[in-house]
Amino acid sequence: IASNLSSMFYVSRFVVPGMTERGSGKIINIASVQSKLARQTIAPYSASKGGVALLTQGMAADLARHGVQVNALSPGYFATDMNRALVEDDAFNDWLVNRTPAHRWGDARELRGALLFLASDASSFVSGQNIVVDGGMTAVV
């Protein structure tokens, strides 16, 4: 909770006054596909990321009148050094590939488009949203 949720709250408390004084700003919180789906053995992680999604919505509601947009980016499963053990776990890898409509792990570079969109003027009327980049995982049962 401290790393995944409270940290975003405290950083926002630090940067929001300058944004509201300026009358503009963009905050992009990092949530997770686990903010929309639960998986066995990681309930605390899912709860923290679900909290990020709702913190994002609450902040968006509070800050929109000050010209500050708050959104979240929710990555699915990406092959990174942090996930190396899961990538190399044959059973988990098989589950993930079969569970994800794209039939593969994501590449971290595939997050750039969503981040650029949220950070740019192209999203000037987007606030309180949780953009999921997950190869279709949350779109299917």
C-alpha atoms as a PDB file:
ATOM      1  CA  ILE A   1       0.000   0.000   0.000  1.00  0.00           C
ATOM      2  CA  ALA A   2       2.815   2.427   0.871  1.00  0.00           C
ATOM      3  CA  SER A   3       4.705   1.858  -2.392  1.00  0.00           C
ATOM      4  CA  ASN A   4       1.810   1.424  -4.789  1.00  0.00           C
ATOM      5  CA  LEU A   5      -0.855   3.770  -3.434  1.00  0.00           C
ATOM      6  CA  SER A   6       0.249   6.102  -0.653  1.00  0.00           C
ATOM      7  CA  SER A   7       3.309   7.224  -2.608  1.00  0.00           C
ATOM      8  CA  MET A   8       1.098   8.521  -5.433  1.00  0.00           C
ATOM      9  CA  PHE A   9      -1.067  10.388  -2.956  1.00  0.00           C
ATOM     10  CA  TYR A  10       1.925  12.071  -1.294  1.00  0.00           C
ATOM     11  CA  VAL A  11       3.680  12.978  -4.545  1.00  0.00           C
ATOM     12  CA  SER A  12       0.422  14.471  -5.831  1.00  0.00           C
ATOM     13  CA  ARG A  13       0.031  16.561  -2.690  1.00  0.00           C
ATOM     14  CA  PHE A  14       3.472  17.991  -3.441  1.00  0.00           C
ATOM     15  CA  VAL A  15       2.910  18.828  -7.140  1.00  0.00           C
ATOM     16  CA  VAL A  16      -0.780  19.765  -7.222  1.00  0.00           C
ATOM     17  CA  PRO A  17      -0.450  23.233  -5.608  1.00  0.00           C
ATOM     18  CA  GLY A  18       1.821  24.427  -8.431  1.00  0.00           C
ATOM     19  CA  MET A  19      -0.489  22.970 -11.049  1.00  0.00           C
ATOM     20  CA  THR A  20      -3.598  24.573  -9.571  1.00  0.00           C
ATOM     21  CA  GLU A  21      -1.816  27.919  -9.235  1.00  0.00           C
ATOM     22  CA  ARG A  22      -0.788  27.677 -12.906  1.00  0.00           C
ATOM     23  CA  GLY A  23      -4.261  26.500 -13.923  1.00  0.00           C
ATOM     24  CA  SER A  24      -3.013  23.432 -15.760  1.00  0.00           C
ATOM     25  CA  GLY A  25      -1.295  20.133 -15.254  1.00  0.00           C
ATOM     26  CA  LYS A  26      -1.388  16.469 -16.005  1.00  0.00           C
ATOM     27  CA  ILE A  27      -0.921  13.610 -13.577  1.00  0.00           C
ATOM     28  CA  ILE A  28      -0.562  10.076 -14.888  1.00  0.00           C
ATOM     29  CA  ASN A  29      -0.772   7.475 -12.152  1.00  0.00           C
ATOM     30  CA  ILE A  30       0.472   3.965 -12.812  1.00  0.00           C
ATOM     31  CA  ALA A  31      -2.152   1.414 -11.900  1.00  0.00           C
ATOM     32  CA  SER A  32      -2.216  -2.136 -13.290  1.00  0.00           C
ATOM     33  CA  VAL A  33      -4.361  -4.649 -15.079  1.00  0.00           C
ATOM     34  CA  GLN A  34      -4.787  -5.957 -11.516  1.00  0.00           C
ATOM     35  CA  SER A  35      -6.888  -2.850 -10.803  1.00  0.00           C
ATOM     36  CA  LYS A  36      -9.537  -4.561 -12.924  1.00  0.00           C
ATOM     37  CA  LEU A  37      -8.797  -8.264 -12.385  1.00  0.00           C
ATOM     38  CA  ALA A  38      -7.868 -10.340  -9.374  1.00  0.00           C
ATOM     39  CA  ARG A  39      -5.412 -13.215  -9.440  1.00  0.00           C
ATOM     40  CA  GLN A  40      -4.644 -15.749  -6.732  1.00  0.00           C
ATOM     41  CA  THR A  41      -1.803 -14.974  -4.313  1.00  0.00           C
ATOM     42  CA  ILE A  42      -1.596 -11.215  -5.020  1.00  0.00           C
ATOM     43  CA  ALA A  43      -4.700  -9.782  -3.315  1.00  0.00           C
ATOM     44  CA  PRO A  44      -2.764  -6.997  -1.526  1.00  0.00           C
ATOM     45  CA  TYR A  45      -1.195  -5.894  -4.822  1.00  0.00           C
ATOM     46  CA  SER A  46      -4.598  -5.912  -6.551  1.00  0.00           C
ATOM     47  CA  ALA A  47      -6.108  -3.901  -3.700  1.00  0.00           C
ATOM     48  CA  SER A  48      -3.337  -1.298  -3.896  1.00  0.00           C
ATOM     49  CA  LYS A  49      -3.672  -0.915  -7.660  1.00  0.00           C
ATOM     50  CA  GLY A  50      -7.472  -0.802  -7.409  1.00  0.00           C
ATOM     51  CA  GLY A  51      -6.926   2.022  -4.930  1.00  0.00           C
ATOM     52  CA  VAL A  52      -4.776   3.825  -7.507  1.00  0.00           C
ATOM     53  CA  ALA A  53      -7.616   3.630 -10.037  1.00  0.00           C
ATOM     54  CA  LEU A  54     -10.104   5.116  -7.573  1.00  0.00           C
ATOM     55  CA  LEU A  55      -7.609   7.699  -6.279  1.00  0.00           C
ATOM     56  CA  THR A  56      -7.219   8.760  -9.903  1.00  0.00           C
ATOM     57  CA  GLN A  57     -10.966   9.226 -10.321  1.00  0.00           C
ATOM     58  CA  GLY A  58     -11.287  11.132  -7.057  1.00  0.00           C
ATOM     59  CA  MET A  59      -8.385  13.418  -7.870  1.00  0.00           C
ATOM     60  CA  ALA A  60      -9.798  14.029 -11.348  1.00  0.00           C
ATOM     61  CA  ALA A  61     -13.132  15.052  -9.831  1.00  0.00           C
ATOM     62  CA  ASP A  62     -11.444  17.394  -7.356  1.00  0.00           C
ATOM     63  CA  LEU A  63      -8.894  18.948  -9.696  1.00  0.00           C
ATOM     64  CA  ALA A  64     -10.687  19.348 -13.042  1.00  0.00           C
ATOM     65  CA  ARG A  65     -12.025  22.782 -12.097  1.00  0.00           C
ATOM     66  CA  HIS A  66      -8.404  23.873 -11.608  1.00  0.00           C
ATOM     67  CA  GLY A  67      -7.340  22.729 -15.090  1.00  0.00           C
ATOM     68  CA  VAL A  68      -5.553  19.622 -13.813  1.00  0.00           C
ATOM     69  CA  GLN A  69      -6.179  16.314 -15.546  1.00  0.00           C
ATOM     70  CA  VAL A  70      -5.588  13.082 -13.677  1.00  0.00           C
ATOM     71  CA  ASN A  71      -5.568   9.723 -15.445  1.00  0.00           C
ATOM     72  CA  ALA A  72      -4.125   6.285 -14.859  1.00  0.00           C
ATOM     73  CA  LEU A  73      -2.248   3.887 -17.071  1.00  0.00           C
ATOM     74  CA  SER A  74      -2.816   0.208 -16.347  1.00  0.00           C
ATOM     75  CA  PRO A  75      -0.251  -2.066 -17.950  1.00  0.00           C
ATOM     76  CA  GLY A  76      -1.030  -5.721 -18.394  1.00  0.00           C
ATOM     77  CA  TYR A  77       1.773  -8.255 -18.303  1.00  0.00           C
ATOM     78  CA  PHE A  78       5.024  -6.979 -19.783  1.00  0.00           C
ATOM     79  CA  ALA A  79       8.243  -8.934 -20.123  1.00  0.00           C
ATOM     80  CA  THR A  80      10.620  -6.911 -17.935  1.00  0.00           C
ATOM     81  CA  ASP A  81      13.517  -7.652 -15.617  1.00  0.00           C
ATOM     82  CA  MET A  82      11.105  -7.312 -12.705  1.00  0.00           C
ATOM     83  CA  ASN A  83       8.877 -10.053 -14.179  1.00  0.00           C
ATOM     84  CA  ARG A  84      11.720 -12.315 -15.307  1.00  0.00           C
ATOM     85  CA  ALA A  85      10.765 -15.127 -12.889  1.00  0.00           C
ATOM     86  CA  LEU A  86       7.198 -15.140 -14.245  1.00  0.00           C
ATOM     87  CA  VAL A  87       8.361 -15.013 -17.856  1.00  0.00           C
ATOM     88  CA  GLU A  88      10.663 -17.977 -17.218  1.00  0.00           C
ATOM     89  CA  ASP A  89       8.004 -19.952 -15.305  1.00  0.00           C
ATOM     90  CA  ASP A  90       6.635 -22.294 -17.991  1.00  0.00           C
ATOM     91  CA  ALA A  91       3.275 -22.816 -16.279  1.00  0.00           C
ATOM     92  CA  PHE A  92       2.704 -19.094 -15.724  1.00  0.00           C
ATOM     93  CA  ASN A  93       3.927 -18.218 -19.205  1.00  0.00           C
ATOM     94  CA  ASP A  94       1.530 -20.761 -20.741  1.00  0.00           C
ATOM     95  CA  TRP A  95      -1.349 -19.408 -18.646  1.00  0.00           C
ATOM     96  CA  LEU A  96      -0.568 -15.822 -19.655  1.00  0.00           C
ATOM     97  CA  VAL A  97      -0.164 -16.510 -23.365  1.00  0.00           C
ATOM     98  CA  ASN A  98      -3.403 -18.508 -23.441  1.00  0.00           C
ATOM     99  CA  ARG A  99      -5.287 -15.929 -21.311  1.00  0.00           C
ATOM    100  CA  THR A 100      -4.228 -12.924 -23.405  1.00  0.00           C
ATOM    101  CA  PRO A 101      -5.941 -12.504 -26.803  1.00  0.00           C
ATOM    102  CA  ALA A 102      -2.668 -11.156 -28.255  1.00  0.00           C
ATOM    103  CA  HIS A 103      -1.091 -14.486 -27.198  1.00  0.00           C
ATOM    104  CA  ARG A 104       2.087 -12.896 -25.878  1.00  0.00           C
ATOM    105  CA  TRP A 105       3.673 -10.738 -23.221  1.00  0.00           C
ATOM    106  CA  GLY A 106       3.757  -7.007 -23.844  1.00  0.00           C
ATOM    107  CA  ASP A 107       6.901  -5.090 -24.713  1.00  0.00           C
ATOM    108  CA  ALA A 108       7.410  -2.036 -22.470  1.00  0.00           C
ATOM    109  CA  ARG A 109       7.815   0.131 -25.567  1.00  0.00           C
ATOM    110  CA  GLU A 110       4.139  -0.535 -26.277  1.00  0.00           C
ATOM    111  CA  LEU A 111       3.214   1.706 -23.336  1.00  0.00           C
ATOM    112  CA  ARG A 112       4.632   4.787 -25.046  1.00  0.00           C
ATOM    113  CA  GLY A 113       1.600   5.561 -27.188  1.00  0.00           C
ATOM    114  CA  ALA A 114      -0.831   5.626 -24.272  1.00  0.00           C
ATOM    115  CA  LEU A 115       1.583   7.672 -22.163  1.00  0.00           C
ATOM    116  CA  LEU A 116       2.187  10.165 -24.961  1.00  0.00           C
ATOM    117  CA  PHE A 117      -1.558  10.484 -25.525  1.00  0.00           C
ATOM    118  CA  LEU A 118      -2.252  11.147 -21.845  1.00  0.00           C
ATOM    119  CA  ALA A 119       0.634  13.625 -21.576  1.00  0.00           C
ATOM    120  CA  SER A 120      -0.244  15.544 -24.760  1.00  0.00           C
ATOM    121  CA  ASP A 121      -2.881  18.054 -25.806  1.00  0.00           C
ATOM    122  CA  ALA A 122      -4.598  15.218 -27.691  1.00  0.00           C
ATOM    123  CA  SER A 123      -6.128  14.218 -24.335  1.00  0.00           C
ATOM    124  CA  SER A 124      -7.153  17.734 -23.280  1.00  0.00           C
ATOM    125  CA  PHE A 125     -10.692  16.603 -22.361  1.00  0.00           C
ATOM    126  CA  VAL A 126      -9.724  13.235 -20.858  1.00  0.00           C
ATOM    127  CA  SER A 127      -9.684  12.997 -17.082  1.00  0.00           C
ATOM    128  CA  GLY A 128     -10.440  10.329 -14.516  1.00  0.00           C
ATOM    129  CA  GLN A 129      -9.760   7.512 -16.963  1.00  0.00           C
ATOM    130  CA  ASN A 130      -7.850   4.291 -16.517  1.00  0.00           C
ATOM    131  CA  ILE A 131      -6.232   3.397 -19.845  1.00  0.00           C
ATOM    132  CA  VAL A 132      -5.528  -0.334 -19.967  1.00  0.00           C
ATOM    133  CA  VAL A 133      -2.734  -1.619 -22.233  1.00  0.00           C
ATOM    134  CA  ASP A 134      -2.980  -5.381 -21.881  1.00  0.00           C
ATOM    135  CA  GLY A 135      -3.168  -7.174 -25.236  1.00  0.00           C
ATOM    136  CA  GLY A 136      -6.907  -7.636 -24.709  1.00  0.00           C
ATOM    137  CA  MET A 137      -6.691  -9.506 -21.397  1.00  0.00           C
ATOM    138  CA  THR A 138      -9.418  -7.500 -19.660  1.00  0.00           C
ATOM    139  CA  ALA A 139     -11.698  -7.696 -22.709  1.00  0.00           C
ATOM    140  CA  VAL A 140     -12.365 -11.412 -22.360  1.00  0.00           C
ATOM    141  CA  VAL A 141     -13.704 -13.771 -19.726  1.00  0.00           C
END
